[in-house]
């Protein structure tokens, strides 16, 4: 399906024909989980909201612990991290505050930018040690930046080494991520050919801005991933905070913009509901404070549906931002397609 046809499908199709159903989860040892969706064809059911680990790696120790505990209390059972976050600090904090008490109740994902088999093996073993776990539920090839990057990693034996670790029982599922270029994901799917996919999941930006962009993950990657029955993990649903007037990390302003989208054009609920109305298994939200987690969890609990016309309306509202290319600053320029 090309970009035009896919956007037409977004406008014309009912939510039920695009998004997988949300199932009410049974209470577990920690309480009531958020609604769940299946992770691809071969994965388990996971909570449709996940906690992103990047913010856990740079916020304060106390806030990291409080945010993790708030996520659990709000029903989140999917936890994302990566060895690059901190670096390594996010994994270490999960190993300190998450896995010792709650490992049996959660789905744990980490990632590595390894370019070759030796580095991949070191990354896997390092993550297992820092996370204080015997097995990683989902290990992903992290931050694919271009088709050439995909070729380098595959030719360097990263996937083969990960498959060995999976056979050894150290990894349950495999995936790949990226935010720089949808064509990296396209190359990965092309390299798989007609063989059965070794990947359970893939992670990429999902937002109304991306849907309106020329170089869109939603239109270029999502249909092909669906065809391969690979689960979709949505990230940057608020364009890495670019919807707001500024972004602050460790009490330092990292950038400002004179023309933010939220709340001037869209609301946070608009963006979250847009993502959940698509074939997304998990929306991964970044949060460095408990109140941010509570806000997103409450929105997810209230989610019911988003009509096709409303979804298209959101895309049209941000089309001018997508055309300018300044909101999605993390996409590589120039992009190729």
C-alpha atoms as a PDB file:
ATOM      1  CA  UNK A   1       0.000   0.000   0.000  1.00  0.00           C
ATOM      2  CA  UNK A   2       1.504   3.353  -1.003  1.00  0.00           C
ATOM      3  CA  UNK A   3       1.367   6.501   1.147  1.00  0.00           C
ATOM      4  CA  UNK A   4      -1.659   8.018  -0.586  1.00  0.00           C
ATOM      5  CA  UNK A   5      -3.656   4.794  -0.388  1.00  0.00           C
ATOM      6  CA  UNK A   6      -2.762   4.310   3.263  1.00  0.00           C
ATOM      7  CA  UNK A   7      -3.823   7.821   4.218  1.00  0.00           C
ATOM      8  CA  UNK A   8      -7.076   7.243   2.380  1.00  0.00           C
ATOM      9  CA  UNK A   9      -7.491   4.050   4.380  1.00  0.00           C
ATOM     10  CA  UNK A  10      -6.916   6.016   7.571  1.00  0.00           C
ATOM     11  CA  UNK A  11      -9.686   8.380   6.548  1.00  0.00           C
ATOM     12  CA  UNK A  12     -12.127   5.759   5.324  1.00  0.00           C
ATOM     13  CA  UNK A  13     -11.669   2.718   7.554  1.00  0.00           C
ATOM     14  CA  UNK A  14     -13.371   2.212  10.864  1.00  0.00           C
ATOM     15  CA  UNK A  15     -11.217   1.995  13.979  1.00  0.00           C
ATOM     16  CA  UNK A  16     -12.076  -1.650  14.462  1.00  0.00           C
ATOM     17  CA  UNK A  17     -10.606  -2.531  11.073  1.00  0.00           C
ATOM     18  CA  UNK A  18      -7.322  -0.798  11.853  1.00  0.00           C
ATOM     19  CA  UNK A  19      -6.616  -1.072  15.552  1.00  0.00           C
ATOM     20  CA  UNK A  20      -6.458  -4.372  17.436  1.00  0.00           C
ATOM     21  CA  UNK A  21      -9.023  -4.675  20.163  1.00  0.00           C
ATOM     22  CA  UNK A  22      -8.229  -3.730  23.740  1.00  0.00           C
ATOM     23  CA  UNK A  23      -8.846  -6.545  26.189  1.00  0.00           C
ATOM     24  CA  UNK A  24      -9.550  -5.979  29.836  1.00  0.00           C
ATOM     25  CA  UNK A  25      -6.791  -7.698  31.789  1.00  0.00           C
ATOM     26  CA  UNK A  26      -7.441  -9.798  34.858  1.00  0.00           C
ATOM     27  CA  UNK A  27      -6.027  -8.439  38.121  1.00  0.00           C
ATOM     28  CA  UNK A  28      -2.495  -9.590  38.888  1.00  0.00           C
ATOM     29  CA  UNK A  29      -0.277  -9.557  41.969  1.00  0.00           C
ATOM     30  CA  UNK A  30       0.119  -5.775  41.695  1.00  0.00           C
ATOM     31  CA  UNK A  31      -3.503  -4.831  41.088  1.00  0.00           C
ATOM     32  CA  UNK A  32      -5.459  -4.001  37.935  1.00  0.00           C
ATOM     33  CA  UNK A  33      -3.358  -3.754  34.749  1.00  0.00           C
ATOM     34  CA  UNK A  34      -4.287  -1.356  31.978  1.00  0.00           C
ATOM     35  CA  UNK A  35      -6.065  -2.848  28.939  1.00  0.00           C
ATOM     36  CA  UNK A  36      -3.904  -5.113  26.814  1.00  0.00           C
ATOM     37  CA  UNK A  37      -3.175  -5.826  23.171  1.00  0.00           C
ATOM     38  CA  UNK A  38      -1.338  -8.689  21.547  1.00  0.00           C
ATOM     39  CA  UNK A  39       2.265  -7.990  20.536  1.00  0.00           C
ATOM     40  CA  UNK A  40       2.333  -9.114  16.920  1.00  0.00           C
ATOM     41  CA  UNK A  41       1.437 -12.626  15.860  1.00  0.00           C
ATOM     42  CA  UNK A  42       3.863 -14.437  18.147  1.00  0.00           C
ATOM     43  CA  UNK A  43       4.081 -12.221  21.210  1.00  0.00           C
ATOM     44  CA  UNK A  44       2.101 -12.177  24.440  1.00  0.00           C
ATOM     45  CA  UNK A  45      -0.632  -9.747  25.422  1.00  0.00           C
ATOM     46  CA  UNK A  46       0.943  -6.603  26.885  1.00  0.00           C
ATOM     47  CA  UNK A  47      -0.456  -3.419  28.394  1.00  0.00           C
ATOM     48  CA  UNK A  48      -1.211  -0.894  25.670  1.00  0.00           C
ATOM     49  CA  UNK A  49       0.732   1.770  27.573  1.00  0.00           C
ATOM     50  CA  UNK A  50       4.393   1.270  28.375  1.00  0.00           C
ATOM     51  CA  UNK A  51       6.891   3.300  30.385  1.00  0.00           C
ATOM     52  CA  UNK A  52       9.800   4.640  28.335  1.00  0.00           C
ATOM     53  CA  UNK A  53      13.211   4.243  29.934  1.00  0.00           C
ATOM     54  CA  UNK A  54      15.005   7.249  28.448  1.00  0.00           C
ATOM     55  CA  UNK A  55      13.632   9.674  31.033  1.00  0.00           C
ATOM     56  CA  UNK A  56      14.346   7.162  33.816  1.00  0.00           C
ATOM     57  CA  UNK A  57      18.007   7.421  32.846  1.00  0.00           C
ATOM     58  CA  UNK A  58      18.365  11.199  33.199  1.00  0.00           C
ATOM     59  CA  UNK A  59      15.918  12.235  35.921  1.00  0.00           C
ATOM     60  CA  UNK A  60      16.934  12.136  39.573  1.00  0.00           C
ATOM     61  CA  UNK A  61      17.270   8.839  41.409  1.00  0.00           C
ATOM     62  CA  UNK A  62      14.306   9.628  43.658  1.00  0.00           C
ATOM     63  CA  UNK A  63      12.049  10.612  40.762  1.00  0.00           C
ATOM     64  CA  UNK A  64      13.103   7.558  38.779  1.00  0.00           C
ATOM     65  CA  UNK A  65      12.022   5.273  41.616  1.00  0.00           C
ATOM     66  CA  UNK A  66       8.793   7.197  42.148  1.00  0.00           C
ATOM     67  CA  UNK A  67       7.979   7.123  38.426  1.00  0.00           C
ATOM     68  CA  UNK A  68       8.552   3.369  38.201  1.00  0.00           C
ATOM     69  CA  UNK A  69       6.333   2.756  41.216  1.00  0.00           C
ATOM     70  CA  UNK A  70       3.644   5.092  39.848  1.00  0.00           C
ATOM     71  CA  UNK A  71       3.670   3.196  36.548  1.00  0.00           C
ATOM     72  CA  UNK A  72       3.103  -0.092  38.342  1.00  0.00           C
ATOM     73  CA  UNK A  73       0.340   1.401  40.499  1.00  0.00           C
ATOM     74  CA  UNK A  74      -1.389   2.807  37.386  1.00  0.00           C
ATOM     75  CA  UNK A  75      -1.442  -0.615  35.720  1.00  0.00           C
ATOM     76  CA  UNK A  76       1.539  -0.368  33.353  1.00  0.00           C
ATOM     77  CA  UNK A  77       3.281  -3.702  32.892  1.00  0.00           C
ATOM     78  CA  UNK A  78       5.436  -2.939  29.818  1.00  0.00           C
ATOM     79  CA  UNK A  79       8.815  -1.342  30.540  1.00  0.00           C
ATOM     80  CA  UNK A  80      11.168   0.008  27.885  1.00  0.00           C
ATOM     81  CA  UNK A  81      14.853   0.823  28.321  1.00  0.00           C
ATOM     82  CA  UNK A  82      18.189   0.674  26.465  1.00  0.00           C
ATOM     83  CA  UNK A  83      21.856   0.442  27.328  1.00  0.00           C
ATOM     84  CA  UNK A  84      22.301   3.898  25.745  1.00  0.00           C
ATOM     85  CA  UNK A  85      19.928   5.576  28.195  1.00  0.00           C
ATOM     86  CA  UNK A  86      22.089   7.285  30.776  1.00  0.00           C
ATOM     87  CA  UNK A  87      24.140   5.578  29.371  1.00  0.00           C
ATOM     88  CA  UNK A  88      23.357   2.375  31.284  1.00  0.00           C
ATOM     89  CA  UNK A  89      21.765   4.359  34.137  1.00  0.00           C
ATOM     90  CA  UNK A  90      18.200   3.524  33.070  1.00  0.00           C
ATOM     91  CA  UNK A  91      18.919  -0.209  33.021  1.00  0.00           C
ATOM     92  CA  UNK A  92      20.671   0.038  36.392  1.00  0.00           C
ATOM     93  CA  UNK A  93      17.676   1.814  37.915  1.00  0.00           C
ATOM     94  CA  UNK A  94      15.285  -0.794  36.563  1.00  0.00           C
ATOM     95  CA  UNK A  95      17.609  -3.401  38.069  1.00  0.00           C
ATOM     96  CA  UNK A  96      17.425  -1.603  41.390  1.00  0.00           C
ATOM     97  CA  UNK A  97      13.770  -0.572  41.622  1.00  0.00           C
ATOM     98  CA  UNK A  98      11.815  -2.757  39.175  1.00  0.00           C
ATOM     99  CA  UNK A  99      13.054  -6.294  38.654  1.00  0.00           C
ATOM    100  CA  UNK A 100      13.966  -7.311  42.222  1.00  0.00           C
ATOM    101  CA  UNK A 101      10.321  -7.130  43.347  1.00  0.00           C
ATOM    102  CA  UNK A 102       8.223  -7.124  40.191  1.00  0.00           C
ATOM    103  CA  UNK A 103       9.979  -9.185  37.513  1.00  0.00           C
ATOM    104  CA  UNK A 104       7.267 -11.856  37.330  1.00  0.00           C
ATOM    105  CA  UNK A 105       4.549  -9.241  36.707  1.00  0.00           C
ATOM    106  CA  UNK A 106       6.165  -7.199  33.932  1.00  0.00           C
ATOM    107  CA  UNK A 107       7.270  -7.352  30.291  1.00  0.00           C
ATOM    108  CA  UNK A 108      10.838  -6.020  30.063  1.00  0.00           C
ATOM    109  CA  UNK A 109      12.405  -4.645  26.881  1.00  0.00           C
ATOM    110  CA  UNK A 110      15.880  -3.267  26.224  1.00  0.00           C
ATOM    111  CA  UNK A 111      17.876  -2.303  23.145  1.00  0.00           C
ATOM    112  CA  UNK A 112      21.404  -1.977  21.753  1.00  0.00           C
ATOM    113  CA  UNK A 113      23.086  -0.027  18.961  1.00  0.00           C
ATOM    114  CA  UNK A 114      25.588  -2.875  18.415  1.00  0.00           C
ATOM    115  CA  UNK A 115      26.973  -3.043  14.875  1.00  0.00           C
ATOM    116  CA  UNK A 116      28.577  -6.483  15.022  1.00  0.00           C
ATOM    117  CA  UNK A 117      28.138  -9.866  16.684  1.00  0.00           C
ATOM    118  CA  UNK A 118      30.805  -9.407  19.370  1.00  0.00           C
ATOM    119  CA  UNK A 119      29.404  -6.060  20.490  1.00  0.00           C
ATOM    120  CA  UNK A 120      25.870  -7.471  20.430  1.00  0.00           C
ATOM    121  CA  UNK A 121      26.864 -10.318  22.742  1.00  0.00           C
ATOM    122  CA  UNK A 122      28.550  -7.902  25.157  1.00  0.00           C
ATOM    123  CA  UNK A 123      25.441  -5.725  25.084  1.00  0.00           C
ATOM    124  CA  UNK A 124      23.095  -8.615  25.829  1.00  0.00           C
ATOM    125  CA  UNK A 125      25.191  -9.886  28.733  1.00  0.00           C
ATOM    126  CA  UNK A 126      25.650  -6.356  30.080  1.00  0.00           C
ATOM    127  CA  UNK A 127      21.926  -5.642  29.963  1.00  0.00           C
ATOM    128  CA  UNK A 128      21.094  -8.892  31.730  1.00  0.00           C
ATOM    129  CA  UNK A 129      23.545  -7.990  34.500  1.00  0.00           C
ATOM    130  CA  UNK A 130      22.362  -4.397  34.929  1.00  0.00           C
ATOM    131  CA  UNK A 131      18.690  -5.347  34.788  1.00  0.00           C
ATOM    132  CA  UNK A 132      19.274  -8.156  37.283  1.00  0.00           C
ATOM    133  CA  UNK A 133      17.314 -10.679  35.271  1.00  0.00           C
ATOM    134  CA  UNK A 134      17.980 -14.026  33.616  1.00  0.00           C
ATOM    135  CA  UNK A 135      15.982 -13.232  30.504  1.00  0.00           C
ATOM    136  CA  UNK A 136      15.033 -10.173  28.467  1.00  0.00           C
ATOM    137  CA  UNK A 137      11.462 -10.326  27.178  1.00  0.00           C
ATOM    138  CA  UNK A 138      12.231  -8.208  24.095  1.00  0.00           C
ATOM    139  CA  UNK A 139      15.693  -7.248  22.817  1.00  0.00           C
ATOM    140  CA  UNK A 140      15.770  -4.781  19.961  1.00  0.00           C
ATOM    141  CA  UNK A 141      18.310  -3.541  17.442  1.00  0.00           C
ATOM    142  CA  UNK A 142      18.277   0.107  18.480  1.00  0.00           C
ATOM    143  CA  UNK A 143      18.167   3.330  16.465  1.00  0.00           C
ATOM    144  CA  UNK A 144      18.476   2.084  12.904  1.00  0.00           C
ATOM    145  CA  UNK A 145      19.491   5.241  11.072  1.00  0.00           C
ATOM    146  CA  UNK A 146      19.570   4.342   7.363  1.00  0.00           C
ATOM    147  CA  UNK A 147      19.358   1.435   4.911  1.00  0.00           C
ATOM    148  CA  UNK A 148      23.161   1.264   4.995  1.00  0.00           C
ATOM    149  CA  UNK A 149      23.088   0.992   8.792  1.00  0.00           C
ATOM    150  CA  UNK A 150      20.701  -1.953   8.499  1.00  0.00           C
ATOM    151  CA  UNK A 151      23.009  -3.665   6.016  1.00  0.00           C
ATOM    152  CA  UNK A 152      26.012  -3.139   8.290  1.00  0.00           C
ATOM    153  CA  UNK A 153      24.302  -4.642  11.322  1.00  0.00           C
ATOM    154  CA  UNK A 154      22.849  -7.625   9.503  1.00  0.00           C
ATOM    155  CA  UNK A 155      26.091  -8.315   7.624  1.00  0.00           C
ATOM    156  CA  UNK A 156      27.975  -7.884  10.912  1.00  0.00           C
ATOM    157  CA  UNK A 157      26.042 -10.742  12.492  1.00  0.00           C
ATOM    158  CA  UNK A 158      23.982  -8.815  15.049  1.00  0.00           C
ATOM    159  CA  UNK A 159      20.767 -10.690  14.285  1.00  0.00           C
ATOM    160  CA  UNK A 160      22.499 -14.065  14.263  1.00  0.00           C
ATOM    161  CA  UNK A 161      24.043 -13.368  17.672  1.00  0.00           C
ATOM    162  CA  UNK A 162      20.686 -12.281  19.075  1.00  0.00           C
ATOM    163  CA  UNK A 163      19.094 -15.462  17.730  1.00  0.00           C
ATOM    164  CA  UNK A 164      21.813 -17.476  19.503  1.00  0.00           C
ATOM    165  CA  UNK A 165      21.018 -15.696  22.751  1.00  0.00           C
ATOM    166  CA  UNK A 166      17.346 -16.414  22.183  1.00  0.00           C
ATOM    167  CA  UNK A 167      18.126 -20.101  21.692  1.00  0.00           C
ATOM    168  CA  UNK A 168      20.095 -19.996  24.951  1.00  0.00           C
ATOM    169  CA  UNK A 169      17.006 -18.698  26.751  1.00  0.00           C
ATOM    170  CA  UNK A 170      18.428 -15.222  27.429  1.00  0.00           C
ATOM    171  CA  UNK A 171      15.980 -13.443  25.101  1.00  0.00           C
ATOM    172  CA  UNK A 172      12.337 -14.244  24.424  1.00  0.00           C
ATOM    173  CA  UNK A 173      11.558 -11.921  21.496  1.00  0.00           C
ATOM    174  CA  UNK A 174      13.459  -9.754  19.008  1.00  0.00           C
ATOM    175  CA  UNK A 175      12.710  -6.416  17.384  1.00  0.00           C
ATOM    176  CA  UNK A 176      14.193  -3.293  15.817  1.00  0.00           C
ATOM    177  CA  UNK A 177      13.715   0.448  16.356  1.00  0.00           C
ATOM    178  CA  UNK A 178      14.493   3.788  14.775  1.00  0.00           C
ATOM    179  CA  UNK A 179      13.292   7.354  14.443  1.00  0.00           C
ATOM    180  CA  UNK A 180      15.675   8.827  11.861  1.00  0.00           C
ATOM    181  CA  UNK A 181      14.466   7.254   8.617  1.00  0.00           C
ATOM    182  CA  UNK A 182      11.481   5.067   7.745  1.00  0.00           C
ATOM    183  CA  UNK A 183      13.570   3.684   4.902  1.00  0.00           C
ATOM    184  CA  UNK A 184      15.837   1.940   7.406  1.00  0.00           C
ATOM    185  CA  UNK A 185      12.813  -0.030   8.579  1.00  0.00           C
ATOM    186  CA  UNK A 186      11.804  -0.639   4.969  1.00  0.00           C
ATOM    187  CA  UNK A 187      15.269  -2.057   4.248  1.00  0.00           C
ATOM    188  CA  UNK A 188      15.058  -4.348   7.272  1.00  0.00           C
ATOM    189  CA  UNK A 189      11.731  -5.715   6.074  1.00  0.00           C
ATOM    190  CA  UNK A 190      13.116  -6.085   2.544  1.00  0.00           C
ATOM    191  CA  UNK A 191      16.112  -8.023   3.834  1.00  0.00           C
ATOM    192  CA  UNK A 192      13.744 -10.486   5.478  1.00  0.00           C
ATOM    193  CA  UNK A 193      12.329 -11.356   2.064  1.00  0.00           C
ATOM    194  CA  UNK A 194       9.575 -13.936   2.122  1.00  0.00           C
ATOM    195  CA  UNK A 195      11.019 -15.824   5.074  1.00  0.00           C
ATOM    196  CA  UNK A 196       9.246 -16.085   8.406  1.00  0.00           C
ATOM    197  CA  UNK A 197      10.135 -12.966  10.359  1.00  0.00           C
ATOM    198  CA  UNK A 198      12.446 -13.448  13.365  1.00  0.00           C
ATOM    199  CA  UNK A 199      11.035 -10.208  14.791  1.00  0.00           C
ATOM    200  CA  UNK A 200       8.082  -9.918  17.143  1.00  0.00           C
ATOM    201  CA  UNK A 201       8.058  -6.113  17.279  1.00  0.00           C
ATOM    202  CA  UNK A 202       9.257  -2.900  15.696  1.00  0.00           C
ATOM    203  CA  UNK A 203       9.314   0.578  17.218  1.00  0.00           C
ATOM    204  CA  UNK A 204       8.966   3.934  15.455  1.00  0.00           C
ATOM    205  CA  UNK A 205       7.329   7.394  15.721  1.00  0.00           C
ATOM    206  CA  UNK A 206       3.528   7.465  15.510  1.00  0.00           C
ATOM    207  CA  UNK A 207       1.782  10.833  15.552  1.00  0.00           C
ATOM    208  CA  UNK A 208      -0.500  12.981  13.409  1.00  0.00           C
ATOM    209  CA  UNK A 209       2.591  14.909  12.281  1.00  0.00           C
ATOM    210  CA  UNK A 210       4.264  11.748  11.043  1.00  0.00           C
ATOM    211  CA  UNK A 211       1.088  10.742   9.220  1.00  0.00           C
ATOM    212  CA  UNK A 212       1.081  14.067   7.377  1.00  0.00           C
ATOM    213  CA  UNK A 213       4.810  14.002   6.577  1.00  0.00           C
ATOM    214  CA  UNK A 214       6.244  13.001   3.223  1.00  0.00           C
ATOM    215  CA  UNK A 215       8.716  10.638   4.893  1.00  0.00           C
ATOM    216  CA  UNK A 216       6.229   8.921   7.177  1.00  0.00           C
ATOM    217  CA  UNK A 217       6.767   5.828   9.288  1.00  0.00           C
ATOM    218  CA  UNK A 218       3.006   5.320   9.451  1.00  0.00           C
ATOM    219  CA  UNK A 219       2.557   5.120   5.697  1.00  0.00           C
ATOM    220  CA  UNK A 220       5.911   3.589   4.719  1.00  0.00           C
ATOM    221  CA  UNK A 221       6.476   1.068   7.520  1.00  0.00           C
ATOM    222  CA  UNK A 222       3.229   0.261   9.325  1.00  0.00           C
ATOM    223  CA  UNK A 223       1.462  -1.583   6.458  1.00  0.00           C
ATOM    224  CA  UNK A 224       4.555  -3.667   5.676  1.00  0.00           C
ATOM    225  CA  UNK A 225       5.068  -4.546   9.344  1.00  0.00           C
ATOM    226  CA  UNK A 226       1.431  -5.577   9.582  1.00  0.00           C
ATOM    227  CA  UNK A 227       1.901  -7.785   6.560  1.00  0.00           C
ATOM    228  CA  UNK A 228       4.765  -9.506   8.382  1.00  0.00           C
ATOM    229  CA  UNK A 229       2.561  -9.726  11.519  1.00  0.00           C
ATOM    230  CA  UNK A 230       5.096  -7.721  13.510  1.00  0.00           C
ATOM    231  CA  UNK A 231       3.776  -5.828  16.532  1.00  0.00           C
ATOM    232  CA  UNK A 232       3.990  -2.034  16.488  1.00  0.00           C
ATOM    233  CA  UNK A 233       5.477  -0.065  19.387  1.00  0.00           C
ATOM    234  CA  UNK A 234       4.604   3.618  19.092  1.00  0.00           C
ATOM    235  CA  UNK A 235       7.058   6.226  20.316  1.00  0.00           C
ATOM    236  CA  UNK A 236       7.343  10.011  20.004  1.00  0.00           C
ATOM    237  CA  UNK A 237       3.568  10.382  19.975  1.00  0.00           C
ATOM    238  CA  UNK A 238       4.196  13.966  21.129  1.00  0.00           C
ATOM    239  CA  UNK A 239       7.127  14.365  18.703  1.00  0.00           C
ATOM    240  CA  UNK A 240       9.668  14.051  21.521  1.00  0.00           C
ATOM    241  CA  UNK A 241       8.053  16.986  23.289  1.00  0.00           C
ATOM    242  CA  UNK A 242       8.347  19.240  20.253  1.00  0.00           C
ATOM    243  CA  UNK A 243       4.649  19.929  20.561  1.00  0.00           C
ATOM    244  CA  UNK A 244       5.414  22.058  23.590  1.00  0.00           C
ATOM    245  CA  UNK A 245       7.074  25.468  23.845  1.00  0.00           C
ATOM    246  CA  UNK A 246      10.315  24.121  25.308  1.00  0.00           C
ATOM    247  CA  UNK A 247      12.020  21.020  26.635  1.00  0.00           C
ATOM    248  CA  UNK A 248      13.910  20.853  29.910  1.00  0.00           C
ATOM    249  CA  UNK A 249      16.263  18.096  31.030  1.00  0.00           C
ATOM    250  CA  UNK A 250      17.981  18.173  34.416  1.00  0.00           C
ATOM    251  CA  UNK A 251      16.659  21.719  34.905  1.00  0.00           C
ATOM    252  CA  UNK A 252      18.329  22.879  31.677  1.00  0.00           C
ATOM    253  CA  UNK A 253      16.350  24.042  28.655  1.00  0.00           C
ATOM    254  CA  UNK A 254      17.513  21.969  25.688  1.00  0.00           C
ATOM    255  CA  UNK A 255      15.452  23.801  23.066  1.00  0.00           C
ATOM    256  CA  UNK A 256      12.542  26.198  22.604  1.00  0.00           C
ATOM    257  CA  UNK A 257      10.041  26.793  19.821  1.00  0.00           C
ATOM    258  CA  UNK A 258       7.853  29.819  19.144  1.00  0.00           C
ATOM    259  CA  UNK A 259       5.107  27.756  17.508  1.00  0.00           C
ATOM    260  CA  UNK A 260       4.296  24.589  19.497  1.00  0.00           C
ATOM    261  CA  UNK A 261       1.493  22.284  18.447  1.00  0.00           C
ATOM    262  CA  UNK A 262       0.143  21.268  21.839  1.00  0.00           C
ATOM    263  CA  UNK A 263      -1.967  22.832  23.254  1.00  0.00           C
ATOM    264  CA  UNK A 264      -2.164  25.430  20.487  1.00  0.00           C
ATOM    265  CA  UNK A 265      -3.420  22.989  17.847  1.00  0.00           C
ATOM    266  CA  UNK A 266      -3.754  19.490  19.324  1.00  0.00           C
ATOM    267  CA  UNK A 267      -4.193  18.162  22.832  1.00  0.00           C
ATOM    268  CA  UNK A 268      -2.207  15.402  24.478  1.00  0.00           C
ATOM    269  CA  UNK A 269      -5.366  13.278  24.388  1.00  0.00           C
ATOM    270  CA  UNK A 270      -5.640  13.849  20.618  1.00  0.00           C
ATOM    271  CA  UNK A 271      -2.163  12.444  20.078  1.00  0.00           C
ATOM    272  CA  UNK A 272      -2.561   9.470  22.378  1.00  0.00           C
ATOM    273  CA  UNK A 273      -5.945   8.529  20.943  1.00  0.00           C
ATOM    274  CA  UNK A 274      -4.629   8.940  17.411  1.00  0.00           C
ATOM    275  CA  UNK A 275      -1.908   6.358  18.120  1.00  0.00           C
ATOM    276  CA  UNK A 276      -4.224   3.946  19.913  1.00  0.00           C
ATOM    277  CA  UNK A 277      -6.695   4.080  17.020  1.00  0.00           C
ATOM    278  CA  UNK A 278      -4.000   2.564  14.769  1.00  0.00           C
ATOM    279  CA  UNK A 279      -2.651  -1.004  14.789  1.00  0.00           C
ATOM    280  CA  UNK A 280      -0.351  -0.202  17.722  1.00  0.00           C
ATOM    281  CA  UNK A 281       0.334  -2.830  20.367  1.00  0.00           C
ATOM    282  CA  UNK A 282       1.968  -0.484  22.878  1.00  0.00           C
ATOM    283  CA  UNK A 283       2.237   3.287  23.143  1.00  0.00           C
ATOM    284  CA  UNK A 284       5.521   3.960  24.954  1.00  0.00           C
ATOM    285  CA  UNK A 285       5.425   7.192  26.921  1.00  0.00           C
ATOM    286  CA  UNK A 286       8.412   9.026  28.318  1.00  0.00           C
ATOM    287  CA  UNK A 287       7.986  10.290  31.864  1.00  0.00           C
ATOM    288  CA  UNK A 288      10.381  11.623  34.459  1.00  0.00           C
ATOM    289  CA  UNK A 289       7.730  12.378  37.081  1.00  0.00           C
ATOM    290  CA  UNK A 290       4.886  10.280  38.555  1.00  0.00           C
ATOM    291  CA  UNK A 291       2.250  12.851  37.588  1.00  0.00           C
ATOM    292  CA  UNK A 292       3.100  12.429  33.890  1.00  0.00           C
ATOM    293  CA  UNK A 293       2.505   8.689  34.176  1.00  0.00           C
ATOM    294  CA  UNK A 294      -0.796   9.178  35.961  1.00  0.00           C
ATOM    295  CA  UNK A 295      -1.978  11.636  33.310  1.00  0.00           C
ATOM    296  CA  UNK A 296      -1.274   9.236  30.413  1.00  0.00           C
ATOM    297  CA  UNK A 297      -2.726   6.222  32.222  1.00  0.00           C
ATOM    298  CA  UNK A 298      -5.978   8.086  32.898  1.00  0.00           C
ATOM    299  CA  UNK A 299      -6.253   9.042  29.224  1.00  0.00           C
ATOM    300  CA  UNK A 300      -5.738   5.412  28.233  1.00  0.00           C
ATOM    301  CA  UNK A 301      -8.429   4.254  30.644  1.00  0.00           C
ATOM    302  CA  UNK A 302     -10.855   6.714  29.043  1.00  0.00           C
ATOM    303  CA  UNK A 303     -10.025   5.736  25.456  1.00  0.00           C
ATOM    304  CA  UNK A 304     -12.876   4.158  23.513  1.00  0.00           C
ATOM    305  CA  UNK A 305     -12.553   4.980  19.843  1.00  0.00           C
ATOM    306  CA  UNK A 306     -11.517   7.632  17.341  1.00  0.00           C
ATOM    307  CA  UNK A 307     -13.676   8.019  14.283  1.00  0.00           C
ATOM    308  CA  UNK A 308     -11.904   8.012  10.907  1.00  0.00           C
ATOM    309  CA  UNK A 309     -13.044  11.560  10.166  1.00  0.00           C
ATOM    310  CA  UNK A 310     -11.648  12.746  13.492  1.00  0.00           C
ATOM    311  CA  UNK A 311      -8.341  11.012  12.823  1.00  0.00           C
ATOM    312  CA  UNK A 312      -8.083  12.701   9.442  1.00  0.00           C
ATOM    313  CA  UNK A 313      -8.967  16.030  11.020  1.00  0.00           C
ATOM    314  CA  UNK A 314      -6.001  15.730  13.369  1.00  0.00           C
ATOM    315  CA  UNK A 315      -3.673  14.977  10.453  1.00  0.00           C
ATOM    316  CA  UNK A 316      -4.919  18.009   8.538  1.00  0.00           C
ATOM    317  CA  UNK A 317      -4.485  20.271  11.563  1.00  0.00           C
ATOM    318  CA  UNK A 318      -0.740  19.608  11.706  1.00  0.00           C
ATOM    319  CA  UNK A 319      -0.046  19.262   7.985  1.00  0.00           C
ATOM    320  CA  UNK A 320       1.721  22.618   7.844  1.00  0.00           C
ATOM    321  CA  UNK A 321       4.104  21.578  10.628  1.00  0.00           C
ATOM    322  CA  UNK A 322       4.886  18.343   8.828  1.00  0.00           C
ATOM    323  CA  UNK A 323       5.563  20.197   5.592  1.00  0.00           C
ATOM    324  CA  UNK A 324       8.028  22.520   7.339  1.00  0.00           C
ATOM    325  CA  UNK A 325       9.896  19.516   8.729  1.00  0.00           C
ATOM    326  CA  UNK A 326      10.891  21.316  11.926  1.00  0.00           C
ATOM    327  CA  UNK A 327       8.759  19.405  14.404  1.00  0.00           C
ATOM    328  CA  UNK A 328      10.250  15.990  13.657  1.00  0.00           C
ATOM    329  CA  UNK A 329      13.803  17.255  14.062  1.00  0.00           C
ATOM    330  CA  UNK A 330      15.005  13.709  14.806  1.00  0.00           C
ATOM    331  CA  UNK A 331      14.395  12.525  11.249  1.00  0.00           C
ATOM    332  CA  UNK A 332      17.555  12.495   9.161  1.00  0.00           C
ATOM    333  CA  UNK A 333      17.744  15.056   6.365  1.00  0.00           C
ATOM    334  CA  UNK A 334      17.898  14.546   3.512  1.00  0.00           C
ATOM    335  CA  UNK A 335      15.773  11.426   3.605  1.00  0.00           C
ATOM    336  CA  UNK A 336      15.563   9.025   0.723  1.00  0.00           C
ATOM    337  CA  UNK A 337      12.554   7.098  -0.453  1.00  0.00           C
END
